[in-house]
Each structure stands twice: as C-alpha cells, then as structure tokens.
Amino acid sequence: MEHLKLTVTGMSCMGCVNSVKNLLGALPGVGQIDIDLASGQVEVEYSADQIQPTQLRLAIEDGGYGVA
C-alpha cells in the first residue's frame, strides 16, 4: 500500500470530514483514511495497482473541496 498526504481546503466541520472520507472510501483500492480538520491534512492509504493519486485528488475536487 502507498500513502498520499494532501491538504484539502473547504472543510469546516466534522460533516465535511465525513464527506471527504466517504468520497475517498468509495474508490477502489483505498484503505485507511486519516483527516485532521484543523490543518486540512488528509492521509490516504491506497493500492497503486488499483488507483492513482490523480484520481484521489479528482474525487475530492468533484465533491466540492479544494486540494492545495
């Protein structure tokens, strides 16, 4: 499994955190997802043979959040 760290913008509450977790968790090959609301840091464990980092970023952006 690979790890990707992203800074996600636009999260303001735990509902946003859950939304981002659901967006990423619905993708194939995604494992553990850790999100720090205060810093906007998101760490995603994923299988590189099933999904690419670009697809993870796009899923977050398609959900209405930004990726710095």
PDB file of N, CA and C in Angstrom:
ATOM      1  N   MET A   1       0.839  -1.184   0.000  1.00  0.00           N
ATOM      2  CA  MET A   1       0.000   0.000   0.000  1.00  0.00           C
ATOM      3  C   MET A   1       0.884   1.247   0.000  1.00  0.00           C
ATOM      4  N   GLU A   2       0.421   2.239  -0.721  1.00  0.00           N
ATOM      5  CA  GLU A   2       1.100   3.535  -0.791  1.00  0.00           C
ATOM      6  C   GLU A   2       0.377   4.519   0.125  1.00  0.00           C
ATOM      7  N   HIS A   3       1.062   5.608   0.451  1.00  0.00           N
ATOM      8  CA  HIS A   3       0.458   6.666   1.259  1.00  0.00           C
ATOM      9  C   HIS A   3       0.548   7.983   0.503  1.00  0.00           C
ATOM     10  N   LEU A   4      -0.521   8.751   0.561  1.00  0.00           N
ATOM     11  CA  LEU A   4      -0.568  10.064  -0.067  1.00  0.00           C
ATOM     12  C   LEU A   4      -1.043  11.063   0.971  1.00  0.00           C
ATOM     13  N   LYS A   5      -0.299  12.172   1.099  1.00  0.00           N
ATOM     14  CA  LYS A   5      -0.700  13.249   2.003  1.00  0.00           C
ATOM     15  C   LYS A   5      -1.130  14.441   1.162  1.00  0.00           C
ATOM     16  N   LEU A   6      -2.305  14.968   1.477  1.00  0.00           N
ATOM     17  CA  LEU A   6      -2.871  16.101   0.756  1.00  0.00           C
ATOM     18  C   LEU A   6      -3.342  17.152   1.749  1.00  0.00           C
ATOM     19  N   THR A   7      -3.383  18.389   1.300  1.00  0.00           N
ATOM     20  CA  THR A   7      -4.035  19.442   2.067  1.00  0.00           C
ATOM     21  C   THR A   7      -5.339  19.758   1.357  1.00  0.00           C
ATOM     22  N   VAL A   8      -6.434  19.542   2.062  1.00  0.00           N
ATOM     23  CA  VAL A   8      -7.763  19.754   1.488  1.00  0.00           C
ATOM     24  C   VAL A   8      -8.340  21.048   2.053  1.00  0.00           C
ATOM     25  N   THR A   9      -8.837  21.893   1.171  1.00  0.00           N
ATOM     26  CA  THR A   9      -9.439  23.153   1.590  1.00  0.00           C
ATOM     27  C   THR A   9     -10.958  23.066   1.487  1.00  0.00           C
ATOM     28  N   GLY A  10     -11.618  23.877   2.291  1.00  0.00           N
ATOM     29  CA  GLY A  10     -13.072  23.922   2.248  1.00  0.00           C
ATOM     30  C   GLY A  10     -13.755  23.071   3.296  1.00  0.00           C
ATOM     31  N   MET A  11     -12.988  22.358   4.124  1.00  0.00           N
ATOM     32  CA  MET A  11     -13.586  21.574   5.200  1.00  0.00           C
ATOM     33  C   MET A  11     -13.732  22.481   6.423  1.00  0.00           C
ATOM     34  N   SER A  12     -14.952  22.553   6.964  1.00  0.00           N
ATOM     35  CA  SER A  12     -15.180  23.440   8.103  1.00  0.00           C
ATOM     36  C   SER A  12     -15.802  22.750   9.313  1.00  0.00           C
ATOM     37  N   CYS A  13     -16.174  21.486   9.165  1.00  0.00           N
ATOM     38  CA  CYS A  13     -16.825  20.787  10.276  1.00  0.00           C
ATOM     39  C   CYS A  13     -16.623  19.275  10.117  1.00  0.00           C
ATOM     40  N   MET A  14     -17.093  18.531  11.115  1.00  0.00           N
ATOM     41  CA  MET A  14     -16.955  17.076  11.049  1.00  0.00           C
ATOM     42  C   MET A  14     -17.804  16.483   9.925  1.00  0.00           C
ATOM     43  N   GLY A  15     -18.858  17.169   9.542  1.00  0.00           N
ATOM     44  CA  GLY A  15     -19.645  16.712   8.397  1.00  0.00           C
ATOM     45  C   GLY A  15     -18.815  16.722   7.128  1.00  0.00           C
ATOM     46  N   CYS A  16     -17.977  17.760   6.989  1.00  0.00           N
ATOM     47  CA  CYS A  16     -17.080  17.842   5.831  1.00  0.00           C
ATOM     48  C   CYS A  16     -16.058  16.708   5.868  1.00  0.00           C
ATOM     49  N   VAL A  17     -15.529  16.444   7.056  1.00  0.00           N
ATOM     50  CA  VAL A  17     -14.558  15.353   7.215  1.00  0.00           C
ATOM     51  C   VAL A  17     -15.193  14.035   6.785  1.00  0.00           C
ATOM     52  N   ASN A  18     -16.407  13.790   7.257  1.00  0.00           N
ATOM     53  CA  ASN A  18     -17.101  12.550   6.883  1.00  0.00           C
ATOM     54  C   ASN A  18     -17.385  12.495   5.392  1.00  0.00           C
ATOM     55  N   SER A  19     -17.708  13.630   4.804  1.00  0.00           N
ATOM     56  CA  SER A  19     -17.963  13.682   3.367  1.00  0.00           C
ATOM     57  C   SER A  19     -16.715  13.302   2.575  1.00  0.00           C
ATOM     58  N   VAL A  20     -15.566  13.868   2.949  1.00  0.00           N
ATOM     59  CA  VAL A  20     -14.311  13.550   2.261  1.00  0.00           C
ATOM     60  C   VAL A  20     -13.966  12.076   2.462  1.00  0.00           C
ATOM     61  N   LYS A  21     -14.169  11.561   3.670  1.00  0.00           N
ATOM     62  CA  LYS A  21     -13.910  10.135   3.921  1.00  0.00           C
ATOM     63  C   LYS A  21     -14.794   9.264   3.040  1.00  0.00           C
ATOM     64  N   ASN A  22     -16.058   9.649   2.898  1.00  0.00           N
ATOM     65  CA  ASN A  22     -16.977   8.870   2.061  1.00  0.00           C
ATOM     66  C   ASN A  22     -16.597   8.946   0.588  1.00  0.00           C
ATOM     67  N   LEU A  23     -16.186  10.132   0.132  1.00  0.00           N
ATOM     68  CA  LEU A  23     -15.766  10.290  -1.266  1.00  0.00           C
ATOM     69  C   LEU A  23     -14.584   9.377  -1.578  1.00  0.00           C
ATOM     70  N   LEU A  24     -13.594   9.387  -0.700  1.00  0.00           N
ATOM     71  CA  LEU A  24     -12.395   8.576  -0.922  1.00  0.00           C
ATOM     72  C   LEU A  24     -12.660   7.097  -0.671  1.00  0.00           C
ATOM     73  N   GLY A  25     -13.426   6.804   0.367  1.00  0.00           N
ATOM     74  CA  GLY A  25     -13.700   5.419   0.730  1.00  0.00           C
ATOM     75  C   GLY A  25     -14.486   4.656  -0.320  1.00  0.00           C
ATOM     76  N   ALA A  26     -15.199   5.374  -1.182  1.00  0.00           N
ATOM     77  CA  ALA A  26     -15.986   4.728  -2.235  1.00  0.00           C
ATOM     78  C   ALA A  26     -15.127   4.290  -3.419  1.00  0.00           C
ATOM     79  N   LEU A  27     -13.875   4.713  -3.433  1.00  0.00           N
ATOM     80  CA  LEU A  27     -12.995   4.393  -4.559  1.00  0.00           C
ATOM     81  C   LEU A  27     -12.325   3.037  -4.364  1.00  0.00           C
ATOM     82  N   PRO A  28     -12.096   2.306  -5.455  1.00  0.00           N
ATOM     83  CA  PRO A  28     -11.418   1.008  -5.344  1.00  0.00           C
ATOM     84  C   PRO A  28      -9.966   1.194  -4.932  1.00  0.00           C
ATOM     85  N   GLY A  29      -9.497   0.318  -4.076  1.00  0.00           N
ATOM     86  CA  GLY A  29      -8.094   0.332  -3.692  1.00  0.00           C
ATOM     87  C   GLY A  29      -7.741   1.267  -2.559  1.00  0.00           C
ATOM     88  N   VAL A  30      -8.733   1.954  -1.993  1.00  0.00           N
ATOM     89  CA  VAL A  30      -8.464   2.885  -0.895  1.00  0.00           C
ATOM     90  C   VAL A  30      -8.599   2.142   0.425  1.00  0.00           C
ATOM     91  N   GLY A  31      -7.588   2.310   1.275  1.00  0.00           N
ATOM     92  CA  GLY A  31      -7.600   1.698   2.598  1.00  0.00           C
ATOM     93  C   GLY A  31      -7.920   2.731   3.655  1.00  0.00           C
ATOM     94  N   GLN A  32      -7.021   2.875   4.608  1.00  0.00           N
ATOM     95  CA  GLN A  32      -7.242   3.793   5.724  1.00  0.00           C
ATOM     96  C   GLN A  32      -7.178   5.250   5.271  1.00  0.00           C
ATOM     97  N   ILE A  33      -8.042   6.065   5.862  1.00  0.00           N
ATOM     98  CA  ILE A  33      -8.102   7.496   5.577  1.00  0.00           C
ATOM     99  C   ILE A  33      -8.049   8.230   6.908  1.00  0.00           C
ATOM    100  N   ASP A  34      -7.062   9.097   7.077  1.00  0.00           N
ATOM    101  CA  ASP A  34      -6.938   9.907   8.288  1.00  0.00           C
ATOM    102  C   ASP A  34      -7.042  11.373   7.905  1.00  0.00           C
ATOM    103  N   ILE A  35      -7.902  12.106   8.618  1.00  0.00           N
ATOM    104  CA  ILE A  35      -8.122  13.518   8.309  1.00  0.00           C
ATOM    105  C   ILE A  35      -7.994  14.347   9.575  1.00  0.00           C
ATOM    106  N   ASP A  36      -7.214  15.423   9.495  1.00  0.00           N
ATOM    107  CA  ASP A  36      -7.090  16.398  10.574  1.00  0.00           C
ATOM    108  C   ASP A  36      -7.830  17.653  10.129  1.00  0.00           C
ATOM    109  N   LEU A  37      -8.976  17.908  10.742  1.00  0.00           N
ATOM    110  CA  LEU A  37      -9.817  19.038  10.341  1.00  0.00           C
ATOM    111  C   LEU A  37      -9.100  20.367  10.528  1.00  0.00           C
ATOM    112  N   ALA A  38      -8.392  20.532  11.645  1.00  0.00           N
ATOM    113  CA  ALA A  38      -7.748  21.813  11.950  1.00  0.00           C
ATOM    114  C   ALA A  38      -6.723  22.217  10.895  1.00  0.00           C
ATOM    115  N   SER A  39      -5.939  21.256  10.424  1.00  0.00           N
ATOM    116  CA  SER A  39      -4.883  21.562   9.452  1.00  0.00           C
ATOM    117  C   SER A  39      -5.318  21.311   8.011  1.00  0.00           C
ATOM    118  N   GLY A  40      -6.389  20.555   7.834  1.00  0.00           N
ATOM    119  CA  GLY A  40      -6.826  20.190   6.491  1.00  0.00           C
ATOM    120  C   GLY A  40      -6.013  19.056   5.890  1.00  0.00           C
ATOM    121  N   GLN A  41      -5.157  18.441   6.700  1.00  0.00           N
ATOM    122  CA  GLN A  41      -4.311  17.363   6.200  1.00  0.00           C
ATOM    123  C   GLN A  41      -5.099  16.061   6.076  1.00  0.00           C
ATOM    124  N   VAL A  42      -4.956  15.439   4.923  1.00  0.00           N
ATOM    125  CA  VAL A  42      -5.602  14.156   4.652  1.00  0.00           C
ATOM    126  C   VAL A  42      -4.512  13.170   4.259  1.00  0.00           C
ATOM    127  N   GLU A  43      -4.490  12.030   4.922  1.00  0.00           N
ATOM    128  CA  GLU A  43      -3.550  10.970   4.557  1.00  0.00           C
ATOM    129  C   GLU A  43      -4.366   9.764   4.120  1.00  0.00           C
ATOM    130  N   VAL A  44      -4.058   9.292   2.924  1.00  0.00           N
ATOM    131  CA  VAL A  44      -4.813   8.192   2.325  1.00  0.00           C
ATOM    132  C   VAL A  44      -3.870   7.037   2.034  1.00  0.00           C
ATOM    133  N   GLU A  45      -4.266   5.855   2.456  1.00  0.00           N
ATOM    134  CA  GLU A  45      -3.551   4.631   2.116  1.00  0.00           C
ATOM    135  C   GLU A  45      -4.277   4.037   0.907  1.00  0.00           C
ATOM    136  N   TYR A  46      -3.512   3.716  -0.139  1.00  0.00           N
ATOM    137  CA  TYR A  46      -4.156   3.212  -1.356  1.00  0.00           C
ATOM    138  C   TYR A  46      -3.261   2.195  -2.051  1.00  0.00           C
ATOM    139  N   SER A  47      -3.886   1.401  -2.881  1.00  0.00           N
ATOM    140  CA  SER A  47      -3.187   0.394  -3.666  1.00  0.00           C
ATOM    141  C   SER A  47      -2.901   0.977  -5.047  1.00  0.00           C
ATOM    142  N   ALA A  48      -1.629   1.171  -5.361  1.00  0.00           N
ATOM    143  CA  ALA A  48      -1.228   1.817  -6.614  1.00  0.00           C
ATOM    144  C   ALA A  48      -1.624   1.012  -7.849  1.00  0.00           C
ATOM    145  N   ASP A  49      -1.880  -0.267  -7.698  1.00  0.00           N
ATOM    146  CA  ASP A  49      -2.295  -1.049  -8.864  1.00  0.00           C
ATOM    147  C   ASP A  49      -3.801  -0.943  -9.120  1.00  0.00           C
ATOM    148  N   GLN A  50      -4.528  -0.268  -8.219  1.00  0.00           N
ATOM    149  CA  GLN A  50      -5.969  -0.098  -8.401  1.00  0.00           C
ATOM    150  C   GLN A  50      -6.384   1.350  -8.632  1.00  0.00           C
ATOM    151  N   ILE A  51      -5.595   2.297  -8.129  1.00  0.00           N
ATOM    152  CA  ILE A  51      -5.974   3.704  -8.251  1.00  0.00           C
ATOM    153  C   ILE A  51      -4.721   4.576  -8.195  1.00  0.00           C
ATOM    154  N   GLN A  52      -4.788   5.722  -8.848  1.00  0.00           N
ATOM    155  CA  GLN A  52      -3.656   6.646  -8.906  1.00  0.00           C
ATOM    156  C   GLN A  52      -3.957   7.905  -8.087  1.00  0.00           C
ATOM    157  N   PRO A  53      -2.921   8.584  -7.606  1.00  0.00           N
ATOM    158  CA  PRO A  53      -3.123   9.805  -6.814  1.00  0.00           C
ATOM    159  C   PRO A  53      -3.993  10.853  -7.508  1.00  0.00           C
ATOM    160  N   THR A  54      -3.876  10.967  -8.819  1.00  0.00           N
ATOM    161  CA  THR A  54      -4.691  11.936  -9.552  1.00  0.00           C
ATOM    162  C   THR A  54      -6.178  11.645  -9.372  1.00  0.00           C
ATOM    163  N   GLN A  55      -6.544  10.380  -9.361  1.00  0.00           N
ATOM    164  CA  GLN A  55      -7.945  10.000  -9.188  1.00  0.00           C
ATOM    165  C   GLN A  55      -8.441  10.345  -7.784  1.00  0.00           C
ATOM    166  N   LEU A  56      -7.565  10.229  -6.797  1.00  0.00           N
ATOM    167  CA  LEU A  56      -7.932  10.593  -5.429  1.00  0.00           C
ATOM    168  C   LEU A  56      -8.202  12.092  -5.344  1.00  0.00           C
ATOM    169  N   ARG A  57      -7.312  12.878  -5.939  1.00  0.00           N
ATOM    170  CA  ARG A  57      -7.489  14.337  -5.945  1.00  0.00           C
ATOM    171  C   ARG A  57      -8.786  14.731  -6.659  1.00  0.00           C
ATOM    172  N   LEU A  58      -9.033  14.119  -7.803  1.00  0.00           N
ATOM    173  CA  LEU A  58     -10.242  14.433  -8.567  1.00  0.00           C
ATOM    174  C   LEU A  58     -11.513  14.102  -7.791  1.00  0.00           C
ATOM    175  N   ALA A  59     -11.513  13.018  -7.050  1.00  0.00           N
ATOM    176  CA  ALA A  59     -12.690  12.644  -6.260  1.00  0.00           C
ATOM    177  C   ALA A  59     -12.987  13.712  -5.212  1.00  0.00           C
ATOM    178  N   ILE A  60     -11.943  14.232  -4.580  1.00  0.00           N
ATOM    179  CA  ILE A  60     -12.119  15.285  -3.576  1.00  0.00           C
ATOM    180  C   ILE A  60     -12.649  16.552  -4.237  1.00  0.00           C
ATOM    181  N   GLU A  61     -12.054  16.923  -5.360  1.00  0.00           N
ATOM    182  CA  GLU A  61     -12.484  18.132  -6.071  1.00  0.00           C
ATOM    183  C   GLU A  61     -13.908  17.993  -6.605  1.00  0.00           C
ATOM    184  N   ASP A  62     -14.255  16.822  -7.102  1.00  0.00           N
ATOM    185  CA  ASP A  62     -15.617  16.584  -7.593  1.00  0.00           C
ATOM    186  C   ASP A  62     -16.642  16.687  -6.462  1.00  0.00           C
ATOM    187  N   GLY A  63     -16.190  16.461  -5.227  1.00  0.00           N
ATOM    188  CA  GLY A  63     -17.064  16.580  -4.063  1.00  0.00           C
ATOM    189  C   GLY A  63     -17.216  18.009  -3.572  1.00  0.00           C
ATOM    190  N   GLY A  64     -16.540  18.947  -4.231  1.00  0.00           N
ATOM    191  CA  GLY A  64     -16.695  20.356  -3.880  1.00  0.00           C
ATOM    192  C   GLY A  64     -15.618  20.925  -2.984  1.00  0.00           C
ATOM    193  N   TYR A  65     -14.551  20.172  -2.766  1.00  0.00           N
ATOM    194  CA  TYR A  65     -13.450  20.628  -1.921  1.00  0.00           C
ATOM    195  C   TYR A  65     -12.240  20.935  -2.789  1.00  0.00           C
ATOM    196  N   GLY A  66     -11.316  21.697  -2.249  1.00  0.00           N
ATOM    197  CA  GLY A  66     -10.102  22.016  -2.977  1.00  0.00           C
ATOM    198  C   GLY A  66      -8.944  21.167  -2.490  1.00  0.00           C
ATOM    199  N   VAL A  67      -7.957  20.996  -3.337  1.00  0.00           N
ATOM    200  CA  VAL A  67      -6.732  20.284  -2.966  1.00  0.00           C
ATOM    201  C   VAL A  67      -5.574  21.219  -3.244  1.00  0.00           C
ATOM    202  N   ALA A  68      -4.850  21.566  -2.191  1.00  0.00           N
ATOM    203  CA  ALA A  68      -3.724  22.502  -2.333  1.00  0.00           C
ATOM    204  C   ALA A  68      -2.463  21.745  -2.710  1.00  0.00           C
TER     205      ALA A  68
END
